[in-house]
Amino acid sequence: DTDVKFFECTPDTSIDIPEKIISREHMRNDLNKLLKDLDPKQRQVLLLRCGFEGRCMSLQEIGNVFDVTKQCIRKREKKAFIQLKVEENQKNFRHYLEQ
């Protein structure tokens, strides 16, 4: 008789696997390259609106930052998204969405 004990291993799901960390870093770098093509104000609006600078901000809050109306911020946001929707840009991010 051998004294072998079998036990169940439960993976620690609180730790990201290395591949996921690397993929996230690549996506962040690709996103930064894409955002660099935007007008600086459009880029800042998206960063604030989508929470890249901490938390997602409302149109009104961003308008207060720029001292403009929320309608002005909405226009900047829309123009930025139109520019980002260019087919070439979509191809570069499609593989991230498929993961």
PDB file of N, CA and C in Angstrom:
ATOM      1  N   ASP A   1       0.837  -1.190   0.000  1.00  0.00           N
ATOM      2  CA  ASP A   1       0.000   0.000   0.000  1.00  0.00           C
ATOM      3  C   ASP A   1       0.881   1.252   0.000  1.00  0.00           C
ATOM      4  N   THR A   2       0.533   2.144  -0.849  1.00  0.00           N
ATOM      5  CA  THR A   2       1.208   3.443  -0.844  1.00  0.00           C
ATOM      6  C   THR A   2       0.280   4.462  -0.225  1.00  0.00           C
ATOM      7  N   ASP A   3       0.875   5.403   0.384  1.00  0.00           N
ATOM      8  CA  ASP A   3       0.087   6.423   1.078  1.00  0.00           C
ATOM      9  C   ASP A   3      -0.097   7.639   0.166  1.00  0.00           C
ATOM     10  N   VAL A   4      -0.763   7.454  -0.947  1.00  0.00           N
ATOM     11  CA  VAL A   4      -1.001   8.527  -1.913  1.00  0.00           C
ATOM     12  C   VAL A   4      -2.388   9.088  -1.670  1.00  0.00           C
ATOM     13  N   LYS A   5      -2.443  10.391  -1.572  1.00  0.00           N
ATOM     14  CA  LYS A   5      -3.739  11.038  -1.372  1.00  0.00           C
ATOM     15  C   LYS A   5      -4.050  11.893  -2.588  1.00  0.00           C
ATOM     16  N   PHE A   6      -5.248  11.779  -3.020  1.00  0.00           N
ATOM     17  CA  PHE A   6      -5.698  12.589  -4.137  1.00  0.00           C
ATOM     18  C   PHE A   6      -6.530  13.742  -3.595  1.00  0.00           C
ATOM     19  N   PHE A   7      -6.329  14.891  -4.159  1.00  0.00           N
ATOM     20  CA  PHE A   7      -7.130  16.034  -3.741  1.00  0.00           C
ATOM     21  C   PHE A   7      -7.463  16.878  -4.962  1.00  0.00           C
ATOM     22  N   GLU A   8      -8.458  17.658  -4.801  1.00  0.00           N
ATOM     23  CA  GLU A   8      -8.934  18.487  -5.905  1.00  0.00           C
ATOM     24  C   GLU A   8      -8.228  19.838  -5.868  1.00  0.00           C
ATOM     25  N   CYS A   9      -7.728  20.238  -7.010  1.00  0.00           N
ATOM     26  CA  CYS A   9      -7.097  21.559  -7.121  1.00  0.00           C
ATOM     27  C   CYS A   9      -8.087  22.507  -7.779  1.00  0.00           C
ATOM     28  N   THR A  10      -8.294  23.616  -7.156  1.00  0.00           N
ATOM     29  CA  THR A  10      -9.161  24.642  -7.714  1.00  0.00           C
ATOM     30  C   THR A  10      -8.285  25.805  -8.152  1.00  0.00           C
ATOM     31  N   PRO A  11      -8.330  26.144  -9.436  1.00  0.00           N
ATOM     32  CA  PRO A  11      -7.479  27.238  -9.910  1.00  0.00           C
ATOM     33  C   PRO A  11      -7.868  28.567  -9.270  1.00  0.00           C
ATOM     34  N   ASP A  12      -6.878  29.385  -9.035  1.00  0.00           N
ATOM     35  CA  ASP A  12      -7.099  30.723  -8.474  1.00  0.00           C
ATOM     36  C   ASP A  12      -7.545  31.637  -9.608  1.00  0.00           C
ATOM     37  N   THR A  13      -8.823  31.950  -9.650  1.00  0.00           N
ATOM     38  CA  THR A  13      -9.363  32.774 -10.734  1.00  0.00           C
ATOM     39  C   THR A  13      -9.139  34.260 -10.509  1.00  0.00           C
ATOM     40  N   SER A  14      -8.574  34.613  -9.370  1.00  0.00           N
ATOM     41  CA  SER A  14      -8.317  36.031  -9.107  1.00  0.00           C
ATOM     42  C   SER A  14      -7.032  36.506  -9.776  1.00  0.00           C
ATOM     43  N   ILE A  15      -6.248  35.567 -10.294  1.00  0.00           N
ATOM     44  CA  ILE A  15      -4.992  35.908 -10.957  1.00  0.00           C
ATOM     45  C   ILE A  15      -5.164  35.684 -12.453  1.00  0.00           C
ATOM     46  N   ASP A  16      -4.841  36.708 -13.245  1.00  0.00           N
ATOM     47  CA  ASP A  16      -4.930  36.574 -14.695  1.00  0.00           C
ATOM     48  C   ASP A  16      -3.796  35.697 -15.213  1.00  0.00           C
ATOM     49  N   ILE A  17      -4.112  34.908 -16.218  1.00  0.00           N
ATOM     50  CA  ILE A  17      -3.080  34.094 -16.843  1.00  0.00           C
ATOM     51  C   ILE A  17      -2.188  35.005 -17.684  1.00  0.00           C
ATOM     52  N   PRO A  18      -0.919  34.644 -17.856  1.00  0.00           N
ATOM     53  CA  PRO A  18       0.021  35.516 -18.578  1.00  0.00           C
ATOM     54  C   PRO A  18      -0.448  35.912 -19.976  1.00  0.00           C
ATOM     55  N   GLU A  19      -1.063  34.985 -20.699  1.00  0.00           N
ATOM     56  CA  GLU A  19      -1.528  35.291 -22.047  1.00  0.00           C
ATOM     57  C   GLU A  19      -2.567  36.408 -22.035  1.00  0.00           C
ATOM     58  N   LYS A  20      -3.429  36.379 -21.030  1.00  0.00           N
ATOM     59  CA  LYS A  20      -4.470  37.401 -20.916  1.00  0.00           C
ATOM     60  C   LYS A  20      -3.850  38.759 -20.595  1.00  0.00           C
ATOM     61  N   ILE A  21      -2.852  38.766 -19.733  1.00  0.00           N
ATOM     62  CA  ILE A  21      -2.166  40.008 -19.379  1.00  0.00           C
ATOM     63  C   ILE A  21      -1.473  40.596 -20.600  1.00  0.00           C
ATOM     64  N   ILE A  22      -0.786  39.755 -21.357  1.00  0.00           N
ATOM     65  CA  ILE A  22      -0.074  40.215 -22.551  1.00  0.00           C
ATOM     66  C   ILE A  22      -1.058  40.722 -23.591  1.00  0.00           C
ATOM     67  N   SER A  23      -2.147  39.997 -23.800  1.00  0.00           N
ATOM     68  CA  SER A  23      -3.156  40.422 -24.768  1.00  0.00           C
ATOM     69  C   SER A  23      -3.752  41.769 -24.387  1.00  0.00           C
ATOM     70  N   ARG A  24      -4.031  41.949 -23.099  1.00  0.00           N
ATOM     71  CA  ARG A  24      -4.587  43.218 -22.628  1.00  0.00           C
ATOM     72  C   ARG A  24      -3.595  44.360 -22.857  1.00  0.00           C
ATOM     73  N   GLU A  25      -2.317  44.100 -22.638  1.00  0.00           N
ATOM     74  CA  GLU A  25      -1.287  45.125 -22.842  1.00  0.00           C
ATOM     75  C   GLU A  25      -1.162  45.485 -24.325  1.00  0.00           C
ATOM     76  N   HIS A  26      -1.216  44.473 -25.203  1.00  0.00           N
ATOM     77  CA  HIS A  26      -1.182  44.730 -26.645  1.00  0.00           C
ATOM     78  C   HIS A  26      -2.389  45.559 -27.072  1.00  0.00           C
ATOM     79  N   MET A  27      -3.557  45.215 -26.536  1.00  0.00           N
ATOM     80  CA  MET A  27      -4.759  45.959 -26.878  1.00  0.00           C
ATOM     81  C   MET A  27      -4.643  47.407 -26.408  1.00  0.00           C
ATOM     82  N   ARG A  28      -4.124  47.618 -25.217  1.00  0.00           N
ATOM     83  CA  ARG A  28      -3.948  48.972 -24.690  1.00  0.00           C
ATOM     84  C   ARG A  28      -2.992  49.777 -25.585  1.00  0.00           C
ATOM     85  N   ASN A  29      -1.901  49.142 -26.020  1.00  0.00           N
ATOM     86  CA  ASN A  29      -0.952  49.821 -26.907  1.00  0.00           C
ATOM     87  C   ASN A  29      -1.585  50.154 -28.251  1.00  0.00           C
ATOM     88  N   ASP A  30      -2.336  49.202 -28.817  1.00  0.00           N
ATOM     89  CA  ASP A  30      -3.010  49.449 -30.094  1.00  0.00           C
ATOM     90  C   ASP A  30      -4.042  50.561 -29.960  1.00  0.00           C
ATOM     91  N   LEU A  31      -4.755  50.572 -28.859  1.00  0.00           N
ATOM     92  CA  LEU A  31      -5.757  51.610 -28.624  1.00  0.00           C
ATOM     93  C   LEU A  31      -5.098  52.981 -28.501  1.00  0.00           C
ATOM     94  N   ASN A  32      -3.975  53.047 -27.801  1.00  0.00           N
ATOM     95  CA  ASN A  32      -3.255  54.321 -27.683  1.00  0.00           C
ATOM     96  C   ASN A  32      -2.787  54.829 -29.038  1.00  0.00           C
ATOM     97  N   LYS A  33      -2.306  53.918 -29.900  1.00  0.00           N
ATOM     98  CA  LYS A  33      -1.892  54.315 -31.252  1.00  0.00           C
ATOM     99  C   LYS A  33      -3.081  54.880 -32.023  1.00  0.00           C
ATOM    100  N   LEU A  34      -4.216  54.226 -31.894  1.00  0.00           N
ATOM    101  CA  LEU A  34      -5.426  54.649 -32.588  1.00  0.00           C
ATOM    102  C   LEU A  34      -5.892  56.012 -32.093  1.00  0.00           C
ATOM    103  N   LEU A  35      -5.863  56.218 -30.791  1.00  0.00           N
ATOM    104  CA  LEU A  35      -6.319  57.484 -30.219  1.00  0.00           C
ATOM    105  C   LEU A  35      -5.388  58.645 -30.567  1.00  0.00           C
ATOM    106  N   LYS A  36      -4.127  58.352 -30.835  1.00  0.00           N
ATOM    107  CA  LYS A  36      -3.181  59.415 -31.198  1.00  0.00           C
ATOM    108  C   LYS A  36      -3.571  60.095 -32.505  1.00  0.00           C
ATOM    109  N   ASP A  37      -4.322  59.403 -33.350  1.00  0.00           N
ATOM    110  CA  ASP A  37      -4.756  59.979 -34.629  1.00  0.00           C
ATOM    111  C   ASP A  37      -5.902  60.967 -34.462  1.00  0.00           C
ATOM    112  N   LEU A  38      -6.518  60.982 -33.300  1.00  0.00           N
ATOM    113  CA  LEU A  38      -7.642  61.889 -33.058  1.00  0.00           C
ATOM    114  C   LEU A  38      -7.150  63.281 -32.696  1.00  0.00           C
ATOM    115  N   ASP A  39      -8.029  64.256 -32.896  1.00  0.00           N
ATOM    116  CA  ASP A  39      -7.800  65.607 -32.400  1.00  0.00           C
ATOM    117  C   ASP A  39      -7.618  65.502 -30.879  1.00  0.00           C
ATOM    118  N   PRO A  40      -6.695  66.272 -30.284  1.00  0.00           N
ATOM    119  CA  PRO A  40      -6.453  66.165 -28.836  1.00  0.00           C
ATOM    120  C   PRO A  40      -7.710  66.316 -27.973  1.00  0.00           C
ATOM    121  N   LYS A  41      -8.605  67.215 -28.352  1.00  0.00           N
ATOM    122  CA  LYS A  41      -9.828  67.391 -27.559  1.00  0.00           C
ATOM    123  C   LYS A  41     -10.753  66.186 -27.701  1.00  0.00           C
ATOM    124  N   GLN A  42     -10.847  65.639 -28.917  1.00  0.00           N
ATOM    125  CA  GLN A  42     -11.664  64.447 -29.122  1.00  0.00           C
ATOM    126  C   GLN A  42     -11.098  63.280 -28.312  1.00  0.00           C
ATOM    127  N   ARG A  43      -9.783  63.132 -28.340  1.00  0.00           N
ATOM    128  CA  ARG A  43      -9.126  62.056 -27.589  1.00  0.00           C
ATOM    129  C   ARG A  43      -9.434  62.184 -26.094  1.00  0.00           C
ATOM    130  N   GLN A  44      -9.306  63.391 -25.571  1.00  0.00           N
ATOM    131  CA  GLN A  44      -9.550  63.601 -24.139  1.00  0.00           C
ATOM    132  C   GLN A  44     -11.007  63.323 -23.780  1.00  0.00           C
ATOM    133  N   VAL A  45     -11.923  63.720 -24.663  1.00  0.00           N
ATOM    134  CA  VAL A  45     -13.347  63.442 -24.424  1.00  0.00           C
ATOM    135  C   VAL A  45     -13.573  61.933 -24.312  1.00  0.00           C
ATOM    136  N   LEU A  46     -13.006  61.161 -25.241  1.00  0.00           N
ATOM    137  CA  LEU A  46     -13.196  59.708 -25.187  1.00  0.00           C
ATOM    138  C   LEU A  46     -12.543  59.098 -23.953  1.00  0.00           C
ATOM    139  N   LEU A  47     -11.361  59.576 -23.601  1.00  0.00           N
ATOM    140  CA  LEU A  47     -10.687  59.047 -22.416  1.00  0.00           C
ATOM    141  C   LEU A  47     -11.520  59.280 -21.158  1.00  0.00           C
ATOM    142  N   LEU A  48     -12.091  60.464 -21.051  1.00  0.00           N
ATOM    143  CA  LEU A  48     -12.922  60.781 -19.884  1.00  0.00           C
ATOM    144  C   LEU A  48     -14.259  60.050 -19.938  1.00  0.00           C
ATOM    145  N   ARG A  49     -14.852  60.003 -21.112  1.00  0.00           N
ATOM    146  CA  ARG A  49     -16.181  59.409 -21.279  1.00  0.00           C
ATOM    147  C   ARG A  49     -16.162  57.901 -21.031  1.00  0.00           C
ATOM    148  N   CYS A  50     -15.096  57.242 -21.480  1.00  0.00           N
ATOM    149  CA  CYS A  50     -15.018  55.781 -21.381  1.00  0.00           C
ATOM    150  C   CYS A  50     -14.305  55.295 -20.127  1.00  0.00           C
ATOM    151  N   GLY A  51     -13.861  56.215 -19.301  1.00  0.00           N
ATOM    152  CA  GLY A  51     -13.280  55.821 -18.029  1.00  0.00           C
ATOM    153  C   GLY A  51     -11.806  55.480 -18.052  1.00  0.00           C
ATOM    154  N   PHE A  52     -11.098  55.828 -19.109  1.00  0.00           N
ATOM    155  CA  PHE A  52      -9.667  55.538 -19.159  1.00  0.00           C
ATOM    156  C   PHE A  52      -8.880  56.391 -18.170  1.00  0.00           C
ATOM    157  N   GLU A  53      -9.468  57.452 -17.713  1.00  0.00           N
ATOM    158  CA  GLU A  53      -8.806  58.347 -16.761  1.00  0.00           C
ATOM    159  C   GLU A  53      -9.328  58.119 -15.338  1.00  0.00           C
ATOM    160  N   GLY A  54      -9.874  56.974 -15.084  1.00  0.00           N
ATOM    161  CA  GLY A  54     -10.383  56.659 -13.749  1.00  0.00           C
ATOM    162  C   GLY A  54     -11.811  56.161 -13.781  1.00  0.00           C
ATOM    163  N   ARG A  55     -12.761  57.067 -13.936  1.00  0.00           N
ATOM    164  CA  ARG A  55     -14.170  56.660 -13.979  1.00  0.00           C
ATOM    165  C   ARG A  55     -14.829  57.287 -15.198  1.00  0.00           C
ATOM    166  N   CYS A  56     -15.920  56.695 -15.654  1.00  0.00           N
ATOM    167  CA  CYS A  56     -16.674  57.247 -16.780  1.00  0.00           C
ATOM    168  C   CYS A  56     -17.348  58.541 -16.335  1.00  0.00           C
ATOM    169  N   MET A  57     -17.203  59.557 -17.155  1.00  0.00           N
ATOM    170  CA  MET A  57     -17.808  60.851 -16.826  1.00  0.00           C
ATOM    171  C   MET A  57     -18.979  61.120 -17.758  1.00  0.00           C
ATOM    172  N   SER A  58     -19.947  61.865 -17.279  1.00  0.00           N
ATOM    173  CA  SER A  58     -21.107  62.240 -18.087  1.00  0.00           C
ATOM    174  C   SER A  58     -20.715  63.349 -19.057  1.00  0.00           C
ATOM    175  N   LEU A  59     -21.569  63.572 -20.043  1.00  0.00           N
ATOM    176  CA  LEU A  59     -21.338  64.669 -20.987  1.00  0.00           C
ATOM    177  C   LEU A  59     -21.263  66.000 -20.244  1.00  0.00           C
ATOM    178  N   GLN A  60     -22.132  66.174 -19.268  1.00  0.00           N
ATOM    179  CA  GLN A  60     -22.154  67.415 -18.494  1.00  0.00           C
ATOM    180  C   GLN A  60     -20.851  67.611 -17.721  1.00  0.00           C
ATOM    181  N   GLU A  61     -20.372  66.547 -17.092  1.00  0.00           N
ATOM    182  CA  GLU A  61     -19.121  66.642 -16.331  1.00  0.00           C
ATOM    183  C   GLU A  61     -17.943  66.995 -17.239  1.00  0.00           C
ATOM    184  N   ILE A  62     -17.895  66.378 -18.400  1.00  0.00           N
ATOM    185  CA  ILE A  62     -16.807  66.676 -19.341  1.00  0.00           C
ATOM    186  C   ILE A  62     -16.953  68.097 -19.862  1.00  0.00           C
ATOM    187  N   GLY A  63     -18.192  68.511 -20.115  1.00  0.00           N
ATOM    188  CA  GLY A  63     -18.437  69.893 -20.532  1.00  0.00           C
ATOM    189  C   GLY A  63     -17.919  70.880 -19.506  1.00  0.00           C
ATOM    190  N   ASN A  64     -18.087  70.568 -18.242  1.00  0.00           N
ATOM    191  CA  ASN A  64     -17.570  71.432 -17.176  1.00  0.00           C
ATOM    192  C   ASN A  64     -16.045  71.500 -17.203  1.00  0.00           C
ATOM    193  N   VAL A  65     -15.399  70.383 -17.516  1.00  0.00           N
ATOM    194  CA  VAL A  65     -13.935  70.353 -17.605  1.00  0.00           C
ATOM    195  C   VAL A  65     -13.452  71.285 -18.715  1.00  0.00           C
ATOM    196  N   PHE A  66     -14.137  71.241 -19.866  1.00  0.00           N
ATOM    197  CA  PHE A  66     -13.739  72.042 -21.024  1.00  0.00           C
ATOM    198  C   PHE A  66     -14.407  73.413 -21.059  1.00  0.00           C
ATOM    199  N   ASP A  67     -15.316  73.653 -20.131  1.00  0.00           N
ATOM    200  CA  ASP A  67     -16.081  74.903 -20.079  1.00  0.00           C
ATOM    201  C   ASP A  67     -16.891  75.122 -21.358  1.00  0.00           C
ATOM    202  N   VAL A  68     -17.557  74.034 -21.787  1.00  0.00           N
ATOM    203  CA  VAL A  68     -18.453  74.074 -22.951  1.00  0.00           C
ATOM    204  C   VAL A  68     -19.729  73.315 -22.587  1.00  0.00           C
ATOM    205  N   THR A  69     -20.715  73.364 -23.472  1.00  0.00           N
ATOM    206  CA  THR A  69     -21.978  72.671 -23.215  1.00  0.00           C
ATOM    207  C   THR A  69     -21.832  71.169 -23.449  1.00  0.00           C
ATOM    208  N   LYS A  70     -22.778  70.413 -22.890  1.00  0.00           N
ATOM    209  CA  LYS A  70     -22.740  68.969 -23.115  1.00  0.00           C
ATOM    210  C   LYS A  70     -23.021  68.633 -24.579  1.00  0.00           C
ATOM    211  N   GLN A  71     -23.753  69.514 -25.287  1.00  0.00           N
ATOM    212  CA  GLN A  71     -23.996  69.298 -26.710  1.00  0.00           C
ATOM    213  C   GLN A  71     -22.686  69.382 -27.496  1.00  0.00           C
ATOM    214  N   CYS A  72     -21.830  70.302 -27.107  1.00  0.00           N
ATOM    215  CA  CYS A  72     -20.524  70.426 -27.752  1.00  0.00           C
ATOM    216  C   CYS A  72     -19.695  69.158 -27.520  1.00  0.00           C
ATOM    217  N   ILE A  73     -19.737  68.643 -26.322  1.00  0.00           N
ATOM    218  CA  ILE A  73     -19.010  67.408 -25.993  1.00  0.00           C
ATOM    219  C   ILE A  73     -19.587  66.237 -26.779  1.00  0.00           C
ATOM    220  N   ARG A  74     -20.912  66.188 -26.908  1.00  0.00           N
ATOM    221  CA  ARG A  74     -21.562  65.121 -27.681  1.00  0.00           C
ATOM    222  C   ARG A  74     -21.074  65.148 -29.129  1.00  0.00           C
ATOM    223  N   LYS A  75     -20.944  66.342 -29.716  1.00  0.00           N
ATOM    224  CA  LYS A  75     -20.457  66.467 -31.098  1.00  0.00           C
ATOM    225  C   LYS A  75     -19.023  65.968 -31.220  1.00  0.00           C
ATOM    226  N   ARG A  76     -18.176  66.337 -30.266  1.00  0.00           N
ATOM    227  CA  ARG A  76     -16.773  65.884 -30.294  1.00  0.00           C
ATOM    228  C   ARG A  76     -16.697  64.366 -30.173  1.00  0.00           C
ATOM    229  N   GLU A  77     -17.521  63.829 -29.289  1.00  0.00           N
ATOM    230  CA  GLU A  77     -17.549  62.384 -29.088  1.00  0.00           C
ATOM    231  C   GLU A  77     -17.995  61.681 -30.370  1.00  0.00           C
ATOM    232  N   LYS A  78     -19.035  62.204 -30.995  1.00  0.00           N
ATOM    233  CA  LYS A  78     -19.559  61.598 -32.226  1.00  0.00           C
ATOM    234  C   LYS A  78     -18.517  61.638 -33.336  1.00  0.00           C
ATOM    235  N   LYS A  79     -17.850  62.779 -33.515  1.00  0.00           N
ATOM    236  CA  LYS A  79     -16.814  62.889 -34.547  1.00  0.00           C
ATOM    237  C   LYS A  79     -15.677  61.909 -34.285  1.00  0.00           C
ATOM    238  N   ALA A  80     -15.307  61.757 -33.027  1.00  0.00           N
ATOM    239  CA  ALA A  80     -14.233  60.827 -32.675  1.00  0.00           C
ATOM    240  C   ALA A  80     -14.632  59.394 -33.011  1.00  0.00           C
ATOM    241  N   PHE A  81     -15.856  59.003 -32.667  1.00  0.00           N
ATOM    242  CA  PHE A  81     -16.305  57.645 -32.957  1.00  0.00           C
ATOM    243  C   PHE A  81     -16.411  57.403 -34.458  1.00  0.00           C
ATOM    244  N   ILE A  82     -16.826  58.408 -35.211  1.00  0.00           N
ATOM    245  CA  ILE A  82     -16.890  58.265 -36.667  1.00  0.00           C
ATOM    246  C   ILE A  82     -15.492  57.998 -37.214  1.00  0.00           C
ATOM    247  N   GLN A  83     -14.522  58.746 -36.732  1.00  0.00           N
ATOM    248  CA  GLN A  83     -13.151  58.556 -37.189  1.00  0.00           C
ATOM    249  C   GLN A  83     -12.624  57.174 -36.794  1.00  0.00           C
ATOM    250  N   LEU A  84     -12.988  56.701 -35.625  1.00  0.00           N
ATOM    251  CA  LEU A  84     -12.523  55.392 -35.165  1.00  0.00           C
ATOM    252  C   LEU A  84     -13.192  54.235 -35.897  1.00  0.00           C
ATOM    253  N   LYS A  85     -14.340  54.492 -36.506  1.00  0.00           N
ATOM    254  CA  LYS A  85     -15.078  53.426 -37.181  1.00  0.00           C
ATOM    255  C   LYS A  85     -14.571  53.147 -38.588  1.00  0.00           C
ATOM    256  N   VAL A  86     -13.510  53.805 -38.996  1.00  0.00           N
ATOM    257  CA  VAL A  86     -12.929  53.554 -40.313  1.00  0.00           C
ATOM    258  C   VAL A  86     -12.614  52.062 -40.412  1.00  0.00           C
ATOM    259  N   GLU A  87     -12.894  51.470 -41.548  1.00  0.00           N
ATOM    260  CA  GLU A  87     -12.745  50.027 -41.739  1.00  0.00           C
ATOM    261  C   GLU A  87     -11.359  49.521 -41.337  1.00  0.00           C
ATOM    262  N   GLU A  88     -10.318  50.244 -41.680  1.00  0.00           N
ATOM    263  CA  GLU A  88      -8.956  49.811 -41.342  1.00  0.00           C
ATOM    264  C   GLU A  88      -8.778  49.694 -39.829  1.00  0.00           C
ATOM    265  N   ASN A  89      -9.324  50.630 -39.102  1.00  0.00           N
ATOM    266  CA  ASN A  89      -9.232  50.579 -37.640  1.00  0.00           C
ATOM    267  C   ASN A  89     -10.007  49.397 -37.081  1.00  0.00           C
ATOM    268  N   GLN A  90     -11.148  49.095 -37.670  1.00  0.00           N
ATOM    269  CA  GLN A  90     -11.965  47.981 -37.190  1.00  0.00           C
ATOM    270  C   GLN A  90     -11.241  46.658 -37.369  1.00  0.00           C
ATOM    271  N   LYS A  91     -10.519  46.508 -38.486  1.00  0.00           N
ATOM    272  CA  LYS A  91      -9.785  45.273 -38.730  1.00  0.00           C
ATOM    273  C   LYS A  91      -8.723  45.048 -37.658  1.00  0.00           C
ATOM    274  N   ASN A  92      -8.085  46.124 -37.230  1.00  0.00           N
ATOM    275  CA  ASN A  92      -7.017  46.006 -36.239  1.00  0.00           C
ATOM    276  C   ASN A  92      -7.530  45.551 -34.883  1.00  0.00           C
ATOM    277  N   PHE A  93      -8.812  45.772 -34.584  1.00  0.00           N
ATOM    278  CA  PHE A  93      -9.350  45.426 -33.270  1.00  0.00           C
ATOM    279  C   PHE A  93     -10.283  44.224 -33.294  1.00  0.00           C
ATOM    280  N   ARG A  94     -10.592  43.713 -34.456  1.00  0.00           N
ATOM    281  CA  ARG A  94     -11.534  42.596 -34.560  1.00  0.00           C
ATOM    282  C   ARG A  94     -11.053  41.377 -33.766  1.00  0.00           C
ATOM    283  N   HIS A  95      -9.749  41.086 -33.817  1.00  0.00           N
ATOM    284  CA  HIS A  95      -9.244  39.893 -33.118  1.00  0.00           C
ATOM    285  C   HIS A  95      -9.363  40.020 -31.598  1.00  0.00           C
ATOM    286  N   TYR A  96      -9.358  41.241 -31.059  1.00  0.00           N
ATOM    287  CA  TYR A  96      -9.549  41.404 -29.618  1.00  0.00           C
ATOM    288  C   TYR A  96     -10.992  41.088 -29.234  1.00  0.00           C
ATOM    289  N   LEU A  97     -11.914  41.449 -30.096  1.00  0.00           N
ATOM    290  CA  LEU A  97     -13.328  41.217 -29.811  1.00  0.00           C
ATOM    291  C   LEU A  97     -13.693  39.742 -29.902  1.00  0.00           C
ATOM    292  N   GLU A  98     -12.927  38.987 -30.688  1.00  0.00           N
ATOM    293  CA  GLU A  98     -13.223  37.570 -30.890  1.00  0.00           C
ATOM    294  C   GLU A  98     -12.672  36.691 -29.776  1.00  0.00           C
ATOM    295  N   GLN A  99     -11.899  37.254 -28.872  1.00  0.00           N
ATOM    296  CA  GLN A  99     -11.296  36.451 -27.793  1.00  0.00           C
ATOM    297  C   GLN A  99     -12.302  36.120 -26.724  1.00  0.00           C
TER     298      GLN A  99
END
